[in-house]
């Protein structure tokens, strides 16, 4: 999770919402990502999507069987859907997102009957640090 937090810090420094993600296969880091929506002028450039795309390219496959995703914030519905399609084995996330999350909050996508693959879910990993980054970022934006 430390690596995902580093990505979130880099996102903040670039003026993006501080969310970072890392895809691992065993002990090896396959790909990293951070929010890039503003930089890429792309509403889908969430940290998870950036990391999943990079991991798929690195492995040469749309299926990320055996891979785990570490992310600083509970994924939204788009990112959770992408994880299901990629067949992510385990999801580790930091801060819960009561407003936009779709894993343990909101639609709880992985529990829906139309979801054909659900990763194991581990929440609260690095939660304090991730939540602090987000609070500080939005406090600074509000003035």
N, C-alpha and C. Protein backbone atom coordinates (compact mmCIF):
# COMPACT_ATOMS: atom_id res chain seq x y z
N UNK A 1 0.84 -1.20 0.00
CA UNK A 1 0.00 0.00 0.00
C UNK A 1 0.88 1.25 0.00
N UNK A 2 2.09 1.13 0.54
CA UNK A 2 2.98 2.29 0.55
C UNK A 2 3.19 2.82 -0.87
N UNK A 3 3.34 1.93 -1.82
CA UNK A 3 3.56 2.35 -3.21
C UNK A 3 2.32 3.06 -3.77
N UNK A 4 1.13 2.57 -3.44
CA UNK A 4 -0.11 3.23 -3.88
C UNK A 4 -0.23 4.61 -3.24
N UNK A 5 0.15 4.74 -1.98
CA UNK A 5 0.12 6.05 -1.32
C UNK A 5 1.11 7.01 -1.98
N UNK A 6 2.26 6.51 -2.39
CA UNK A 6 3.23 7.35 -3.11
C UNK A 6 2.63 7.84 -4.43
N UNK A 7 1.89 6.98 -5.11
CA UNK A 7 1.22 7.38 -6.35
C UNK A 7 0.16 8.44 -6.06
N UNK A 8 -0.56 8.30 -4.96
CA UNK A 8 -1.58 9.29 -4.58
C UNK A 8 -0.93 10.64 -4.30
N UNK A 9 0.22 10.63 -3.63
CA UNK A 9 0.95 11.87 -3.37
C UNK A 9 1.38 12.52 -4.68
N UNK A 10 1.86 11.72 -5.61
CA UNK A 10 2.25 12.25 -6.93
C UNK A 10 1.05 12.83 -7.67
N UNK A 11 -0.11 12.21 -7.51
CA UNK A 11 -1.32 12.75 -8.13
C UNK A 11 -1.63 14.13 -7.56
N UNK A 12 -1.53 14.27 -6.25
CA UNK A 12 -1.77 15.56 -5.60
C UNK A 12 -0.82 16.62 -6.14
N UNK A 13 0.45 16.26 -6.26
CA UNK A 13 1.44 17.21 -6.76
C UNK A 13 1.15 17.64 -8.19
N UNK A 14 0.42 16.81 -8.93
CA UNK A 14 0.05 17.14 -10.30
C UNK A 14 -1.32 17.82 -10.37
N UNK A 15 -1.92 18.10 -9.21
CA UNK A 15 -3.21 18.77 -9.18
C UNK A 15 -4.40 17.85 -9.35
N UNK A 16 -4.17 16.55 -9.24
CA UNK A 16 -5.24 15.56 -9.37
C UNK A 16 -5.73 15.14 -7.98
N UNK A 17 -6.93 14.58 -7.90
CA UNK A 17 -7.43 14.02 -6.66
C UNK A 17 -6.47 12.89 -6.25
N UNK A 18 -6.02 12.88 -4.98
CA UNK A 18 -4.98 11.94 -4.56
C UNK A 18 -5.45 10.50 -4.40
N UNK A 19 -5.44 9.78 -5.50
CA UNK A 19 -5.73 8.35 -5.48
C UNK A 19 -4.62 7.66 -6.26
N UNK A 20 -4.08 6.60 -5.66
CA UNK A 20 -3.03 5.83 -6.30
C UNK A 20 -3.38 4.35 -6.29
N UNK A 21 -2.82 3.62 -7.26
CA UNK A 21 -3.11 2.19 -7.39
C UNK A 21 -1.86 1.44 -7.84
N UNK A 22 -1.78 0.18 -7.44
CA UNK A 22 -0.67 -0.69 -7.80
C UNK A 22 -1.24 -2.08 -8.10
N UNK A 23 -0.79 -2.69 -9.19
CA UNK A 23 -1.14 -4.07 -9.52
C UNK A 23 0.08 -4.93 -9.24
N UNK A 24 -0.13 -6.00 -8.47
CA UNK A 24 0.96 -6.93 -8.17
C UNK A 24 0.61 -8.33 -8.65
N UNK A 25 1.65 -9.08 -8.92
CA UNK A 25 1.54 -10.50 -9.23
C UNK A 25 2.54 -11.19 -8.32
N UNK A 26 2.03 -11.87 -7.31
CA UNK A 26 2.90 -12.37 -6.26
C UNK A 26 3.51 -11.18 -5.53
N UNK A 27 4.82 -11.19 -5.39
CA UNK A 27 5.52 -10.08 -4.72
C UNK A 27 5.97 -9.00 -5.69
N UNK A 28 5.71 -9.21 -6.98
CA UNK A 28 6.23 -8.31 -8.01
C UNK A 28 5.21 -7.24 -8.40
N UNK A 29 5.66 -5.99 -8.45
CA UNK A 29 4.80 -4.90 -8.93
C UNK A 29 4.79 -4.97 -10.46
N UNK A 30 3.59 -5.10 -11.01
CA UNK A 30 3.41 -5.18 -12.46
C UNK A 30 3.17 -3.80 -13.06
N UNK A 31 2.37 -2.98 -12.33
CA UNK A 31 2.01 -1.66 -12.86
C UNK A 31 1.56 -0.76 -11.72
N UNK A 32 1.68 0.54 -11.96
CA UNK A 32 1.19 1.54 -11.02
C UNK A 32 0.30 2.51 -11.78
N UNK A 33 -0.50 3.24 -11.03
CA UNK A 33 -1.34 4.26 -11.64
C UNK A 33 -1.73 5.29 -10.61
N UNK A 34 -2.07 6.45 -11.10
CA UNK A 34 -2.59 7.52 -10.25
C UNK A 34 -3.66 8.23 -11.04
N UNK A 35 -4.51 8.96 -10.36
CA UNK A 35 -5.52 9.72 -11.08
C UNK A 35 -4.86 10.62 -12.11
N UNK A 36 -5.39 10.61 -13.32
CA UNK A 36 -4.85 11.41 -14.43
C UNK A 36 -5.98 12.05 -15.24
N UNK A 37 -7.13 12.24 -14.64
CA UNK A 37 -8.28 12.74 -15.39
C UNK A 37 -8.03 14.12 -15.99
N UNK A 38 -7.47 15.01 -15.20
CA UNK A 38 -7.17 16.36 -15.71
C UNK A 38 -6.03 16.33 -16.71
N UNK A 39 -4.96 15.63 -16.38
CA UNK A 39 -3.78 15.58 -17.25
C UNK A 39 -4.12 15.00 -18.62
N UNK A 40 -4.97 13.96 -18.62
CA UNK A 40 -5.30 13.28 -19.87
C UNK A 40 -6.60 13.78 -20.50
N UNK A 41 -7.30 14.70 -19.82
CA UNK A 41 -8.62 15.14 -20.27
C UNK A 41 -9.49 13.92 -20.57
N UNK A 42 -9.51 13.00 -19.60
CA UNK A 42 -10.16 11.70 -19.76
C UNK A 42 -10.89 11.34 -18.47
N UNK A 43 -12.22 11.34 -18.49
CA UNK A 43 -12.96 11.03 -17.27
C UNK A 43 -12.78 9.59 -16.80
N UNK A 44 -12.23 8.72 -17.63
CA UNK A 44 -12.01 7.33 -17.22
C UNK A 44 -10.60 7.11 -16.66
N UNK A 45 -9.77 8.13 -16.59
CA UNK A 45 -8.38 7.97 -16.17
C UNK A 45 -8.25 7.96 -14.64
N UNK A 46 -9.06 7.11 -14.00
CA UNK A 46 -8.93 6.89 -12.56
C UNK A 46 -7.68 6.06 -12.32
N UNK A 47 -7.13 6.15 -11.12
CA UNK A 47 -5.89 5.43 -10.79
C UNK A 47 -5.99 3.94 -11.10
N UNK A 48 -7.13 3.33 -10.76
CA UNK A 48 -7.30 1.90 -10.98
C UNK A 48 -7.28 1.55 -12.46
N UNK A 49 -7.96 2.36 -13.27
CA UNK A 49 -8.03 2.10 -14.71
C UNK A 49 -6.64 2.26 -15.32
N UNK A 50 -5.92 3.31 -14.92
CA UNK A 50 -4.56 3.54 -15.42
C UNK A 50 -3.68 2.33 -15.08
N UNK A 51 -3.76 1.85 -13.84
CA UNK A 51 -2.95 0.71 -13.42
C UNK A 51 -3.36 -0.58 -14.13
N UNK A 52 -4.67 -0.80 -14.28
CA UNK A 52 -5.13 -2.02 -14.97
C UNK A 52 -4.70 -2.03 -16.43
N UNK A 53 -4.79 -0.89 -17.09
CA UNK A 53 -4.35 -0.81 -18.50
C UNK A 53 -2.86 -1.11 -18.62
N UNK A 54 -2.08 -0.53 -17.71
CA UNK A 54 -0.63 -0.75 -17.75
C UNK A 54 -0.29 -2.21 -17.45
N UNK A 55 -1.00 -2.82 -16.51
CA UNK A 55 -0.76 -4.23 -16.18
C UNK A 55 -1.12 -5.13 -17.35
N UNK A 56 -2.24 -4.87 -17.99
CA UNK A 56 -2.65 -5.67 -19.15
C UNK A 56 -1.61 -5.56 -20.27
N UNK A 57 -1.10 -4.36 -20.49
CA UNK A 57 -0.07 -4.17 -21.51
C UNK A 57 1.21 -4.91 -21.13
N UNK A 58 1.60 -4.83 -19.86
CA UNK A 58 2.83 -5.49 -19.41
C UNK A 58 2.74 -7.00 -19.52
N UNK A 59 1.56 -7.55 -19.25
CA UNK A 59 1.38 -9.00 -19.29
C UNK A 59 0.91 -9.50 -20.66
N UNK A 60 0.50 -8.57 -21.52
CA UNK A 60 0.02 -8.95 -22.84
C UNK A 60 -1.29 -9.71 -22.82
N UNK A 61 -2.14 -9.38 -21.86
CA UNK A 61 -3.43 -10.07 -21.72
C UNK A 61 -4.45 -9.16 -21.05
N UNK A 62 -5.70 -9.29 -21.47
CA UNK A 62 -6.78 -8.53 -20.83
C UNK A 62 -7.19 -9.17 -19.51
N UNK A 63 -6.77 -10.40 -19.29
CA UNK A 63 -7.06 -11.12 -18.05
C UNK A 63 -5.87 -11.00 -17.12
N UNK A 64 -6.11 -10.52 -15.95
CA UNK A 64 -5.05 -10.34 -14.96
C UNK A 64 -5.19 -11.39 -13.86
N UNK A 65 -5.40 -12.64 -14.29
CA UNK A 65 -5.54 -13.76 -13.35
C UNK A 65 -4.36 -13.80 -12.39
N UNK A 66 -4.65 -13.95 -11.12
CA UNK A 66 -3.59 -14.05 -10.11
C UNK A 66 -3.06 -12.71 -9.65
N UNK A 67 -3.50 -11.62 -10.27
CA UNK A 67 -3.03 -10.29 -9.88
C UNK A 67 -3.90 -9.70 -8.78
N UNK A 68 -3.27 -8.88 -7.97
CA UNK A 68 -3.95 -8.16 -6.91
C UNK A 68 -3.88 -6.66 -7.20
N UNK A 69 -4.90 -5.93 -6.78
CA UNK A 69 -4.94 -4.49 -6.95
C UNK A 69 -4.96 -3.83 -5.58
N UNK A 70 -4.04 -2.91 -5.38
CA UNK A 70 -3.94 -2.10 -4.17
C UNK A 70 -4.32 -0.68 -4.54
N UNK A 71 -5.29 -0.09 -3.86
CA UNK A 71 -5.72 1.27 -4.18
C UNK A 71 -6.05 2.02 -2.90
N UNK A 72 -5.78 3.30 -2.90
CA UNK A 72 -5.91 4.09 -1.68
C UNK A 72 -7.35 4.44 -1.32
N UNK A 73 -8.27 4.35 -2.27
CA UNK A 73 -9.66 4.71 -2.04
C UNK A 73 -10.57 3.61 -2.59
N UNK A 74 -11.66 3.36 -1.90
CA UNK A 74 -12.64 2.38 -2.38
C UNK A 74 -13.02 2.68 -3.83
N UNK A 75 -12.93 1.71 -4.70
CA UNK A 75 -13.23 1.93 -6.12
C UNK A 75 -14.69 2.29 -6.39
N UNK A 76 -14.87 3.09 -7.44
CA UNK A 76 -16.20 3.45 -7.93
C UNK A 76 -16.75 2.30 -8.77
N UNK A 77 -17.97 2.45 -9.28
CA UNK A 77 -18.60 1.40 -10.07
C UNK A 77 -17.81 1.11 -11.36
N UNK A 78 -17.30 2.14 -12.02
CA UNK A 78 -16.53 1.92 -13.25
C UNK A 78 -15.29 1.08 -12.97
N UNK A 79 -14.56 1.46 -11.93
CA UNK A 79 -13.32 0.76 -11.61
C UNK A 79 -13.58 -0.65 -11.10
N UNK A 80 -14.62 -0.82 -10.29
CA UNK A 80 -14.98 -2.16 -9.82
C UNK A 80 -15.37 -3.05 -10.99
N UNK A 81 -16.11 -2.50 -11.94
CA UNK A 81 -16.48 -3.26 -13.13
C UNK A 81 -15.26 -3.68 -13.94
N UNK A 82 -14.30 -2.78 -14.07
CA UNK A 82 -13.07 -3.10 -14.79
C UNK A 82 -12.28 -4.19 -14.08
N UNK A 83 -12.26 -4.15 -12.75
CA UNK A 83 -11.57 -5.19 -11.98
C UNK A 83 -12.22 -6.55 -12.19
N UNK A 84 -13.55 -6.58 -12.22
CA UNK A 84 -14.26 -7.84 -12.45
C UNK A 84 -13.92 -8.38 -13.84
N UNK A 85 -13.92 -7.51 -14.84
CA UNK A 85 -13.60 -7.95 -16.21
C UNK A 85 -12.16 -8.42 -16.33
N UNK A 86 -11.26 -7.80 -15.57
CA UNK A 86 -9.85 -8.18 -15.61
C UNK A 86 -9.57 -9.43 -14.78
N UNK A 87 -10.52 -9.85 -13.98
CA UNK A 87 -10.38 -11.03 -13.11
C UNK A 87 -9.32 -10.83 -12.02
N UNK A 88 -9.32 -9.63 -11.44
CA UNK A 88 -8.41 -9.35 -10.33
C UNK A 88 -8.69 -10.35 -9.20
N UNK A 89 -7.64 -10.91 -8.64
CA UNK A 89 -7.77 -11.93 -7.59
C UNK A 89 -8.17 -11.34 -6.25
N UNK A 90 -7.44 -10.29 -5.84
CA UNK A 90 -7.71 -9.65 -4.56
C UNK A 90 -7.68 -8.14 -4.71
N UNK A 91 -8.58 -7.48 -4.01
CA UNK A 91 -8.61 -6.02 -3.94
C UNK A 91 -8.28 -5.61 -2.51
N UNK A 92 -7.27 -4.76 -2.39
CA UNK A 92 -6.91 -4.16 -1.10
C UNK A 92 -7.14 -2.66 -1.26
N UNK A 93 -7.95 -2.08 -0.38
CA UNK A 93 -8.11 -0.62 -0.47
C UNK A 93 -8.04 0.04 0.89
N UNK A 94 -7.69 1.34 0.84
CA UNK A 94 -7.51 2.12 2.05
C UNK A 94 -8.80 2.69 2.59
N UNK A 95 -9.11 3.90 2.19
CA UNK A 95 -10.26 4.63 2.72
C UNK A 95 -11.55 4.21 2.02
N UNK A 96 -12.60 4.06 2.81
CA UNK A 96 -13.93 3.80 2.25
C UNK A 96 -14.44 5.10 1.62
N UNK A 97 -15.33 4.97 0.65
CA UNK A 97 -15.91 6.13 -0.03
C UNK A 97 -17.43 6.03 0.01
N UNK A 98 -18.06 6.55 1.08
CA UNK A 98 -19.52 6.44 1.22
C UNK A 98 -20.30 7.09 0.08
N UNK A 99 -19.74 8.12 -0.56
CA UNK A 99 -20.45 8.81 -1.64
C UNK A 99 -20.26 8.16 -3.00
N UNK A 100 -19.04 7.75 -3.32
CA UNK A 100 -18.77 7.25 -4.67
C UNK A 100 -18.31 5.82 -4.75
N UNK A 101 -18.11 5.18 -3.61
CA UNK A 101 -17.63 3.80 -3.61
C UNK A 101 -18.70 2.83 -4.08
N UNK A 102 -18.23 1.72 -4.65
CA UNK A 102 -19.17 0.72 -5.17
C UNK A 102 -18.81 -0.69 -4.74
N UNK A 103 -17.95 -0.81 -3.73
CA UNK A 103 -17.51 -2.13 -3.28
C UNK A 103 -18.18 -2.48 -1.95
N UNK A 104 -17.94 -1.67 -0.91
CA UNK A 104 -18.61 -1.90 0.37
C UNK A 104 -19.70 -0.85 0.62
N UNK A 105 -19.75 0.15 -0.24
CA UNK A 105 -20.79 1.19 -0.19
C UNK A 105 -21.57 1.18 -1.50
N UNK A 106 -22.62 1.98 -1.55
CA UNK A 106 -23.37 2.14 -2.80
C UNK A 106 -23.88 0.81 -3.35
N UNK A 107 -23.65 0.58 -4.64
CA UNK A 107 -24.24 -0.61 -5.28
C UNK A 107 -23.60 -1.94 -4.90
N UNK A 108 -22.46 -1.92 -4.23
CA UNK A 108 -21.77 -3.17 -3.85
C UNK A 108 -21.70 -4.11 -5.06
N UNK A 109 -21.05 -3.63 -6.07
CA UNK A 109 -21.04 -4.27 -7.38
C UNK A 109 -20.69 -5.75 -7.36
N UNK A 110 -19.72 -6.13 -6.54
CA UNK A 110 -19.28 -7.53 -6.56
C UNK A 110 -20.32 -8.49 -5.99
N UNK A 111 -21.31 -7.97 -5.30
CA UNK A 111 -22.38 -8.80 -4.76
C UNK A 111 -23.59 -8.92 -5.67
N UNK A 112 -23.55 -8.26 -6.82
CA UNK A 112 -24.68 -8.29 -7.74
C UNK A 112 -24.69 -9.59 -8.55
N UNK A 113 -25.86 -10.13 -8.85
CA UNK A 113 -25.93 -11.39 -9.60
C UNK A 113 -25.36 -11.29 -11.01
N UNK A 114 -25.29 -10.09 -11.57
CA UNK A 114 -24.76 -9.92 -12.92
C UNK A 114 -23.24 -9.81 -12.95
N UNK A 115 -22.62 -9.78 -11.77
CA UNK A 115 -21.16 -9.70 -11.69
C UNK A 115 -20.61 -11.12 -11.76
N UNK A 116 -19.86 -11.41 -12.82
CA UNK A 116 -19.39 -12.77 -13.06
C UNK A 116 -18.09 -13.12 -12.35
N UNK A 117 -17.40 -12.14 -11.83
CA UNK A 117 -16.18 -12.39 -11.07
C UNK A 117 -16.07 -11.36 -9.95
N UNK A 118 -15.79 -11.84 -8.77
CA UNK A 118 -15.60 -10.95 -7.63
C UNK A 118 -14.28 -11.27 -6.95
N UNK A 119 -13.44 -10.26 -6.75
CA UNK A 119 -12.18 -10.50 -6.04
C UNK A 119 -12.42 -10.66 -4.54
N UNK A 120 -11.45 -11.22 -3.86
CA UNK A 120 -11.46 -11.16 -2.40
C UNK A 120 -11.24 -9.69 -2.06
N UNK A 121 -11.88 -9.21 -1.01
CA UNK A 121 -11.81 -7.78 -0.66
C UNK A 121 -11.23 -7.61 0.74
N UNK A 122 -10.23 -6.73 0.82
CA UNK A 122 -9.60 -6.37 2.09
C UNK A 122 -9.60 -4.85 2.19
N UNK A 123 -10.35 -4.32 3.14
CA UNK A 123 -10.46 -2.86 3.25
C UNK A 123 -9.71 -2.34 4.47
N UNK A 124 -9.50 -1.04 4.49
CA UNK A 124 -8.88 -0.38 5.64
C UNK A 124 -7.36 -0.45 5.67
N UNK A 125 -6.73 -0.91 4.59
CA UNK A 125 -5.27 -1.00 4.54
C UNK A 125 -4.71 0.40 4.28
N UNK A 126 -4.00 0.96 5.22
CA UNK A 126 -3.48 2.32 5.07
C UNK A 126 -4.56 3.38 5.08
N UNK A 127 -5.67 3.06 5.71
CA UNK A 127 -6.84 3.94 5.68
C UNK A 127 -6.56 5.35 6.21
N UNK A 128 -5.89 5.45 7.34
CA UNK A 128 -5.64 6.77 7.94
C UNK A 128 -4.84 7.67 7.00
N UNK A 129 -3.77 7.13 6.42
CA UNK A 129 -2.93 7.92 5.52
C UNK A 129 -3.71 8.32 4.27
N UNK A 130 -4.46 7.39 3.70
CA UNK A 130 -5.23 7.67 2.48
C UNK A 130 -6.31 8.72 2.75
N UNK A 131 -7.03 8.57 3.85
CA UNK A 131 -8.08 9.52 4.19
C UNK A 131 -7.51 10.90 4.46
N UNK A 132 -6.35 10.95 5.11
CA UNK A 132 -5.69 12.22 5.41
C UNK A 132 -5.30 12.95 4.12
N UNK A 133 -4.75 12.21 3.16
CA UNK A 133 -4.40 12.82 1.87
C UNK A 133 -5.63 13.44 1.21
N UNK A 134 -6.72 12.72 1.22
CA UNK A 134 -7.95 13.21 0.59
C UNK A 134 -8.49 14.43 1.33
N UNK A 135 -8.55 14.35 2.67
CA UNK A 135 -9.05 15.50 3.45
C UNK A 135 -8.22 16.74 3.20
N UNK A 136 -6.91 16.59 3.25
CA UNK A 136 -6.02 17.73 3.04
C UNK A 136 -6.19 18.32 1.64
N UNK A 137 -6.31 17.46 0.65
CA UNK A 137 -6.47 17.92 -0.73
C UNK A 137 -7.74 18.75 -0.87
N UNK A 138 -8.86 18.23 -0.39
CA UNK A 138 -10.12 18.95 -0.56
C UNK A 138 -10.21 20.17 0.35
N UNK A 139 -9.59 20.15 1.50
CA UNK A 139 -9.54 21.32 2.37
C UNK A 139 -8.79 22.44 1.64
N UNK A 140 -7.69 22.10 1.00
CA UNK A 140 -6.92 23.08 0.25
C UNK A 140 -7.68 23.66 -0.94
N UNK A 141 -8.51 22.86 -1.57
CA UNK A 141 -9.28 23.34 -2.71
C UNK A 141 -10.41 24.26 -2.30
N UNK A 142 -10.94 24.04 -1.08
CA UNK A 142 -12.03 24.87 -0.60
C UNK A 142 -11.54 26.22 -0.10
N UNK A 143 -10.23 26.32 0.14
CA UNK A 143 -9.67 27.61 0.52
C UNK A 143 -9.38 27.70 1.95
